[in-house]
Amino acid sequence: MMYVYWRVMHKLHPDDERWRIVKFGRVRDDGTLEVPNGLTLKWALPYRWRMTEVQAVLAMYALTIPFCIAAVFIPY
């Protein structure tokens, strides 16, 4: 849903810098990530809190693993 919202806002406001399409963020001088927006899952946490790339990846693993384990045990 966040991604769809981001795409719709880009279509409605193509010249607005907030909605520009950027595939990658950048690394600040202190080693933390600077992401363009928080409207995709991979950028949600680094957008709100300063974290390194390793911390962001580990946080996404921690978010994904419980759902993967649950999917193994839930029958069709």
PDB file of N, CA and C in Angstrom:
ATOM      1  N   MET A   1       0.813  -1.194   0.000  1.00  0.00           N
ATOM      2  CA  MET A   1       0.000   0.000   0.000  1.00  0.00           C
ATOM      3  C   MET A   1       0.864   1.269   0.000  1.00  0.00           C
ATOM      4  N   MET A   2       1.961   1.244   0.758  1.00  0.00           N
ATOM      5  CA  MET A   2       2.813   2.427   0.804  1.00  0.00           C
ATOM      6  C   MET A   2       3.417   2.710  -0.568  1.00  0.00           C
ATOM      7  N   TYR A   3       3.821   1.640  -1.254  1.00  0.00           N
ATOM      8  CA  TYR A   3       4.426   1.800  -2.575  1.00  0.00           C
ATOM      9  C   TYR A   3       3.412   2.361  -3.570  1.00  0.00           C
ATOM     10  N   VAL A   4       2.187   1.870  -3.523  1.00  0.00           N
ATOM     11  CA  VAL A   4       1.140   2.360  -4.428  1.00  0.00           C
ATOM     12  C   VAL A   4       0.888   3.843  -4.168  1.00  0.00           C
ATOM     13  N   TYR A   5       0.819   4.229  -2.893  1.00  0.00           N
ATOM     14  CA  TYR A   5       0.627   5.636  -2.531  1.00  0.00           C
ATOM     15  C   TYR A   5       1.758   6.492  -3.104  1.00  0.00           C
ATOM     16  N   TRP A   6       2.986   6.019  -2.949  1.00  0.00           N
ATOM     17  CA  TRP A   6       4.153   6.740  -3.448  1.00  0.00           C
ATOM     18  C   TRP A   6       4.072   6.921  -4.959  1.00  0.00           C
ATOM     19  N   ARG A   7       3.690   5.863  -5.684  1.00  0.00           N
ATOM     20  CA  ARG A   7       3.586   5.957  -7.140  1.00  0.00           C
ATOM     21  C   ARG A   7       2.466   6.905  -7.573  1.00  0.00           C
ATOM     22  N   VAL A   8       1.334   6.854  -6.885  1.00  0.00           N
ATOM     23  CA  VAL A   8       0.217   7.743  -7.219  1.00  0.00           C
ATOM     24  C   VAL A   8       0.619   9.195  -6.977  1.00  0.00           C
ATOM     25  N   MET A   9       1.262   9.462  -5.848  1.00  0.00           N
ATOM     26  CA  MET A   9       1.681  10.829  -5.553  1.00  0.00           C
ATOM     27  C   MET A   9       2.719  11.315  -6.576  1.00  0.00           C
ATOM     28  N   HIS A  10       3.568  10.426  -7.056  1.00  0.00           N
ATOM     29  CA  HIS A  10       4.532  10.812  -8.095  1.00  0.00           C
ATOM     30  C   HIS A  10       3.804  11.186  -9.388  1.00  0.00           C
ATOM     31  N   LYS A  11       2.780  10.439  -9.737  1.00  0.00           N
ATOM     32  CA  LYS A  11       2.001  10.755 -10.947  1.00  0.00           C
ATOM     33  C   LYS A  11       1.276  12.090 -10.804  1.00  0.00           C
ATOM     34  N   LEU A  12       0.745  12.362  -9.602  1.00  0.00           N
ATOM     35  CA  LEU A  12      -0.001  13.603  -9.379  1.00  0.00           C
ATOM     36  C   LEU A  12       0.911  14.821  -9.275  1.00  0.00           C
ATOM     37  N   HIS A  13       2.110  14.638  -8.718  1.00  0.00           N
ATOM     38  CA  HIS A  13       3.044  15.748  -8.491  1.00  0.00           C
ATOM     39  C   HIS A  13       4.435  15.382  -9.022  1.00  0.00           C
ATOM     40  N   PRO A  14       4.617  15.295 -10.325  1.00  0.00           N
ATOM     41  CA  PRO A  14       5.909  14.830 -10.867  1.00  0.00           C
ATOM     42  C   PRO A  14       7.082  15.777 -10.605  1.00  0.00           C
ATOM     43  N   ASP A  15       6.831  17.053 -10.361  1.00  0.00           N
ATOM     44  CA  ASP A  15       7.923  18.002 -10.144  1.00  0.00           C
ATOM     45  C   ASP A  15       8.298  18.158  -8.676  1.00  0.00           C
ATOM     46  N   ASP A  16       7.515  17.593  -7.780  1.00  0.00           N
ATOM     47  CA  ASP A  16       7.768  17.715  -6.343  1.00  0.00           C
ATOM     48  C   ASP A  16       8.919  16.786  -5.946  1.00  0.00           C
ATOM     49  N   GLU A  17       9.924  17.329  -5.272  1.00  0.00           N
ATOM     50  CA  GLU A  17      11.101  16.556  -4.870  1.00  0.00           C
ATOM     51  C   GLU A  17      10.764  15.438  -3.893  1.00  0.00           C
ATOM     52  N   ARG A  18       9.710  15.604  -3.097  1.00  0.00           N
ATOM     53  CA  ARG A  18       9.346  14.568  -2.125  1.00  0.00           C
ATOM     54  C   ARG A  18       8.921  13.272  -2.787  1.00  0.00           C
ATOM     55  N   TRP A  19       8.400  13.334  -3.990  1.00  0.00           N
ATOM     56  CA  TRP A  19       7.839  12.154  -4.649  1.00  0.00           C
ATOM     57  C   TRP A  19       8.690  11.670  -5.819  1.00  0.00           C
ATOM     58  N   ARG A  20       9.905  12.180  -5.950  1.00  0.00           N
ATOM     59  CA  ARG A  20      10.747  11.741  -7.060  1.00  0.00           C
ATOM     60  C   ARG A  20      11.093  10.257  -6.901  1.00  0.00           C
ATOM     61  N   ILE A  21      11.341   9.602  -8.019  1.00  0.00           N
ATOM     62  CA  ILE A  21      11.666   8.180  -7.998  1.00  0.00           C
ATOM     63  C   ILE A  21      13.171   8.043  -7.818  1.00  0.00           C
ATOM     64  N   VAL A  22      13.551   7.497  -6.691  1.00  0.00           N
ATOM     65  CA  VAL A  22      14.949   7.278  -6.356  1.00  0.00           C
ATOM     66  C   VAL A  22      15.093   5.817  -5.958  1.00  0.00           C
ATOM     67  N   LYS A  23      16.006   5.124  -6.607  1.00  0.00           N
ATOM     68  CA  LYS A  23      16.161   3.700  -6.317  1.00  0.00           C
ATOM     69  C   LYS A  23      17.035   3.467  -5.095  1.00  0.00           C
ATOM     70  N   PHE A  24      18.038   4.302  -4.889  1.00  0.00           N
ATOM     71  CA  PHE A  24      18.982   4.091  -3.803  1.00  0.00           C
ATOM     72  C   PHE A  24      19.047   5.313  -2.904  1.00  0.00           C
ATOM     73  N   GLY A  25      19.366   5.078  -1.642  1.00  0.00           N
ATOM     74  CA  GLY A  25      19.676   6.154  -0.718  1.00  0.00           C
ATOM     75  C   GLY A  25      21.179   6.410  -0.789  1.00  0.00           C
ATOM     76  N   ARG A  26      21.692   7.026   0.260  1.00  0.00           N
ATOM     77  CA  ARG A  26      23.138   7.244   0.304  1.00  0.00           C
ATOM     78  C   ARG A  26      23.616   7.029   1.731  1.00  0.00           C
ATOM     79  N   VAL A  27      24.910   6.898   1.893  1.00  0.00           N
ATOM     80  CA  VAL A  27      25.506   6.705   3.211  1.00  0.00           C
ATOM     81  C   VAL A  27      26.036   8.048   3.686  1.00  0.00           C
ATOM     82  N   ARG A  28      25.633   8.441   4.897  1.00  0.00           N
ATOM     83  CA  ARG A  28      26.126   9.690   5.493  1.00  0.00           C
ATOM     84  C   ARG A  28      27.586   9.511   5.926  1.00  0.00           C
ATOM     85  N   ASP A  29      28.195  10.605   6.340  1.00  0.00           N
ATOM     86  CA  ASP A  29      29.589  10.564   6.787  1.00  0.00           C
ATOM     87  C   ASP A  29      29.780   9.701   8.028  1.00  0.00           C
ATOM     88  N   ASP A  30      28.741   9.601   8.874  1.00  0.00           N
ATOM     89  CA  ASP A  30      28.856   8.793  10.092  1.00  0.00           C
ATOM     90  C   ASP A  30      28.533   7.319   9.858  1.00  0.00           C
ATOM     91  N   GLY A  31      28.254   6.925   8.605  1.00  0.00           N
ATOM     92  CA  GLY A  31      28.014   5.528   8.271  1.00  0.00           C
ATOM     93  C   GLY A  31      26.558   5.107   8.301  1.00  0.00           C
ATOM     94  N   THR A  32      25.657   6.025   8.646  1.00  0.00           N
ATOM     95  CA  THR A  32      24.237   5.683   8.662  1.00  0.00           C
ATOM     96  C   THR A  32      23.619   5.961   7.298  1.00  0.00           C
ATOM     97  N   LEU A  33      22.468   5.351   7.063  1.00  0.00           N
ATOM     98  CA  LEU A  33      21.787   5.492   5.777  1.00  0.00           C
ATOM     99  C   LEU A  33      20.936   6.753   5.735  1.00  0.00           C
ATOM    100  N   GLU A  34      20.945   7.408   4.603  1.00  0.00           N
ATOM    101  CA  GLU A  34      20.019   8.509   4.347  1.00  0.00           C
ATOM    102  C   GLU A  34      19.131   8.059   3.195  1.00  0.00           C
ATOM    103  N   VAL A  35      17.857   7.844   3.497  1.00  0.00           N
ATOM    104  CA  VAL A  35      16.931   7.324   2.488  1.00  0.00           C
ATOM    105  C   VAL A  35      15.993   8.434   2.040  1.00  0.00           C
ATOM    106  N   PRO A  36      15.517   8.387   0.790  1.00  0.00           N
ATOM    107  CA  PRO A  36      14.703   9.474   0.251  1.00  0.00           C
ATOM    108  C   PRO A  36      13.312   9.575   0.858  1.00  0.00           C
ATOM    109  N   ASN A  37      12.712   8.450   1.235  1.00  0.00           N
ATOM    110  CA  ASN A  37      11.386   8.481   1.860  1.00  0.00           C
ATOM    111  C   ASN A  37      11.164   7.178   2.607  1.00  0.00           C
ATOM    112  N   GLY A  38      10.113   7.126   3.388  1.00  0.00           N
ATOM    113  CA  GLY A  38       9.821   5.929   4.168  1.00  0.00           C
ATOM    114  C   GLY A  38       8.664   5.127   3.622  1.00  0.00           C
ATOM    115  N   LEU A  39       8.410   5.226   2.337  1.00  0.00           N
ATOM    116  CA  LEU A  39       7.212   4.614   1.773  1.00  0.00           C
ATOM    117  C   LEU A  39       7.449   3.241   1.156  1.00  0.00           C
ATOM    118  N   THR A  40       8.596   2.636   1.395  1.00  0.00           N
ATOM    119  CA  THR A  40       8.794   1.235   1.038  1.00  0.00           C
ATOM    120  C   THR A  40       9.305   0.530   2.284  1.00  0.00           C
ATOM    121  N   LEU A  41       9.061  -0.758   2.378  1.00  0.00           N
ATOM    122  CA  LEU A  41       9.411  -1.498   3.585  1.00  0.00           C
ATOM    123  C   LEU A  41      10.902  -1.432   3.879  1.00  0.00           C
ATOM    124  N   LYS A  42      11.731  -1.497   2.842  1.00  0.00           N
ATOM    125  CA  LYS A  42      13.179  -1.492   3.078  1.00  0.00           C
ATOM    126  C   LYS A  42      13.681  -0.152   3.613  1.00  0.00           C
ATOM    127  N   TRP A  43      12.923   0.910   3.425  1.00  0.00           N
ATOM    128  CA  TRP A  43      13.345   2.225   3.901  1.00  0.00           C
ATOM    129  C   TRP A  43      12.565   2.712   5.115  1.00  0.00           C
ATOM    130  N   ALA A  44      11.590   1.957   5.579  1.00  0.00           N
ATOM    131  CA  ALA A  44      10.725   2.425   6.670  1.00  0.00           C
ATOM    132  C   ALA A  44      11.510   2.680   7.954  1.00  0.00           C
ATOM    133  N   LEU A  45      12.323   1.740   8.376  1.00  0.00           N
ATOM    134  CA  LEU A  45      13.079   1.919   9.620  1.00  0.00           C
ATOM    135  C   LEU A  45      14.206   2.938   9.492  1.00  0.00           C
ATOM    136  N   PRO A  46      15.060   2.874   8.449  1.00  0.00           N
ATOM    137  CA  PRO A  46      16.127   3.880   8.345  1.00  0.00           C
ATOM    138  C   PRO A  46      15.608   5.304   8.142  1.00  0.00           C
ATOM    139  N   TYR A  47      14.381   5.447   7.654  1.00  0.00           N
ATOM    140  CA  TYR A  47      13.811   6.782   7.479  1.00  0.00           C
ATOM    141  C   TYR A  47      13.501   7.413   8.834  1.00  0.00           C
ATOM    142  N   ARG A  48      13.060   6.602   9.786  1.00  0.00           N
ATOM    143  CA  ARG A  48      12.658   7.114  11.093  1.00  0.00           C
ATOM    144  C   ARG A  48      13.793   7.143  12.109  1.00  0.00           C
ATOM    145  N   TRP A  49      14.718   6.186  12.025  1.00  0.00           N
ATOM    146  CA  TRP A  49      15.837   6.098  12.961  1.00  0.00           C
ATOM    147  C   TRP A  49      17.135   5.974  12.194  1.00  0.00           C
ATOM    148  N   ARG A  50      18.169   6.597  12.717  1.00  0.00           N
ATOM    149  CA  ARG A  50      19.483   6.476  12.085  1.00  0.00           C
ATOM    150  C   ARG A  50      20.017   5.076  12.340  1.00  0.00           C
ATOM    151  N   MET A  51      20.355   4.390  11.270  1.00  0.00           N
ATOM    152  CA  MET A  51      20.943   3.060  11.396  1.00  0.00           C
ATOM    153  C   MET A  51      21.856   2.790  10.217  1.00  0.00           C
ATOM    154  N   THR A  52      22.798   1.892  10.457  1.00  0.00           N
ATOM    155  CA  THR A  52      23.715   1.506   9.393  1.00  0.00           C
ATOM    156  C   THR A  52      23.024   0.502   8.476  1.00  0.00           C
ATOM    157  N   GLU A  53      23.674   0.194   7.371  1.00  0.00           N
ATOM    158  CA  GLU A  53      23.092  -0.762   6.433  1.00  0.00           C
ATOM    159  C   GLU A  53      22.977  -2.148   7.058  1.00  0.00           C
ATOM    160  N   VAL A  54      23.974  -2.537   7.841  1.00  0.00           N
ATOM    161  CA  VAL A  54      23.934  -3.843   8.507  1.00  0.00           C
ATOM    162  C   VAL A  54      22.762  -3.896   9.482  1.00  0.00           C
ATOM    163  N   GLN A  55      22.548  -2.843  10.248  1.00  0.00           N
ATOM    164  CA  GLN A  55      21.423  -2.809  11.184  1.00  0.00           C
ATOM    165  C   GLN A  55      20.092  -2.869  10.448  1.00  0.00           C
ATOM    166  N   ALA A  56      19.988  -2.183   9.323  1.00  0.00           N
ATOM    167  CA  ALA A  56      18.745  -2.198   8.551  1.00  0.00           C
ATOM    168  C   ALA A  56      18.463  -3.589   7.990  1.00  0.00           C
ATOM    169  N   VAL A  57      19.493  -4.262   7.500  1.00  0.00           N
ATOM    170  CA  VAL A  57      19.316  -5.619   6.967  1.00  0.00           C
ATOM    171  C   VAL A  57      18.914  -6.575   8.080  1.00  0.00           C
ATOM    172  N   LEU A  58      19.567  -6.492   9.228  1.00  0.00           N
ATOM    173  CA  LEU A  58      19.213  -7.369  10.348  1.00  0.00           C
ATOM    174  C   LEU A  58      17.794  -7.103  10.837  1.00  0.00           C
ATOM    175  N   ALA A  59      17.375  -5.848  10.828  1.00  0.00           N
ATOM    176  CA  ALA A  59      16.002  -5.517  11.225  1.00  0.00           C
ATOM    177  C   ALA A  59      14.994  -6.106  10.242  1.00  0.00           C
ATOM    178  N   MET A  60      15.299  -6.067   8.947  1.00  0.00           N
ATOM    179  CA  MET A  60      14.397  -6.669   7.953  1.00  0.00           C
ATOM    180  C   MET A  60      14.355  -8.184   8.103  1.00  0.00           C
ATOM    181  N   TYR A  61      15.502  -8.807   8.412  1.00  0.00           N
ATOM    182  CA  TYR A  61      15.500 -10.251   8.689  1.00  0.00           C
ATOM    183  C   TYR A  61      14.624 -10.555   9.900  1.00  0.00           C
ATOM    184  N   ALA A  62      14.775  -9.762  10.956  1.00  0.00           N
ATOM    185  CA  ALA A  62      13.984  -9.981  12.172  1.00  0.00           C
ATOM    186  C   ALA A  62      12.497  -9.797  11.906  1.00  0.00           C
ATOM    187  N   LEU A  63      12.158  -8.932  11.000  1.00  0.00           N
ATOM    188  CA  LEU A  63      10.755  -8.719  10.642  1.00  0.00           C
ATOM    189  C   LEU A  63      10.230  -9.839   9.750  1.00  0.00           C
ATOM    190  N   THR A  64      11.064 -10.375   8.893  1.00  0.00           N
ATOM    191  CA  THR A  64      10.651 -11.387   7.925  1.00  0.00           C
ATOM    192  C   THR A  64      10.612 -12.800   8.508  1.00  0.00           C
ATOM    193  N   ILE A  65      11.564 -13.151   9.347  1.00  0.00           N
ATOM    194  CA  ILE A  65      11.688 -14.522   9.852  1.00  0.00           C
ATOM    195  C   ILE A  65      10.431 -15.029  10.551  1.00  0.00           C
ATOM    196  N   PRO A  66       9.785 -14.270  11.440  1.00  0.00           N
ATOM    197  CA  PRO A  66       8.565 -14.806  12.079  1.00  0.00           C
ATOM    198  C   PRO A  66       7.462 -15.149  11.077  1.00  0.00           C
ATOM    199  N   PHE A  67       7.332 -14.356  10.035  1.00  0.00           N
ATOM    200  CA  PHE A  67       6.306 -14.643   9.028  1.00  0.00           C
ATOM    201  C   PHE A  67       6.667 -15.887   8.214  1.00  0.00           C
ATOM    202  N   CYS A  68       7.935 -16.079   7.931  1.00  0.00           N
ATOM    203  CA  CYS A  68       8.363 -17.290   7.215  1.00  0.00           C
ATOM    204  C   CYS A  68       8.122 -18.532   8.064  1.00  0.00           C
ATOM    205  N   ILE A  69       8.449 -18.464   9.340  1.00  0.00           N
ATOM    206  CA  ILE A  69       8.223 -19.603  10.234  1.00  0.00           C
ATOM    207  C   ILE A  69       6.732 -19.886  10.365  1.00  0.00           C
ATOM    208  N   ALA A  70       5.937 -18.853  10.515  1.00  0.00           N
ATOM    209  CA  ALA A  70       4.486 -19.040  10.621  1.00  0.00           C
ATOM    210  C   ALA A  70       3.919 -19.668   9.354  1.00  0.00           C
ATOM    211  N   ALA A  71       4.447 -19.298   8.206  1.00  0.00           N
ATOM    212  CA  ALA A  71       3.946 -19.844   6.940  1.00  0.00           C
ATOM    213  C   ALA A  71       4.217 -21.336   6.817  1.00  0.00           C
ATOM    214  N   VAL A  72       5.280 -21.816   7.444  1.00  0.00           N
ATOM    215  CA  VAL A  72       5.589 -23.243   7.398  1.00  0.00           C
ATOM    216  C   VAL A  72       4.533 -24.046   8.153  1.00  0.00           C
ATOM    217  N   PHE A  73       4.016 -23.486   9.238  1.00  0.00           N
ATOM    218  CA  PHE A  73       3.095 -24.224  10.100  1.00  0.00           C
ATOM    219  C   PHE A  73       1.622 -23.990   9.797  1.00  0.00           C
ATOM    220  N   ILE A  74       1.306 -23.021   8.981  1.00  0.00           N
ATOM    221  CA  ILE A  74      -0.096 -22.759   8.638  1.00  0.00           C
ATOM    222  C   ILE A  74      -0.473 -23.621   7.437  1.00  0.00           C
ATOM    223  N   PRO A  75      -1.480 -24.488   7.592  1.00  0.00           N
ATOM    224  CA  PRO A  75      -1.869 -25.336   6.458  1.00  0.00           C
ATOM    225  C   PRO A  75      -2.622 -24.529   5.401  1.00  0.00           C
ATOM    226  N   TYR A  76      -2.725 -25.103   4.218  1.00  0.00           N
ATOM    227  CA  TYR A  76      -3.426 -24.435   3.122  1.00  0.00           C
ATOM    228  C   TYR A  76      -4.828 -24.195   3.485  1.00  0.00           C
TER     229      TYR A  76
END
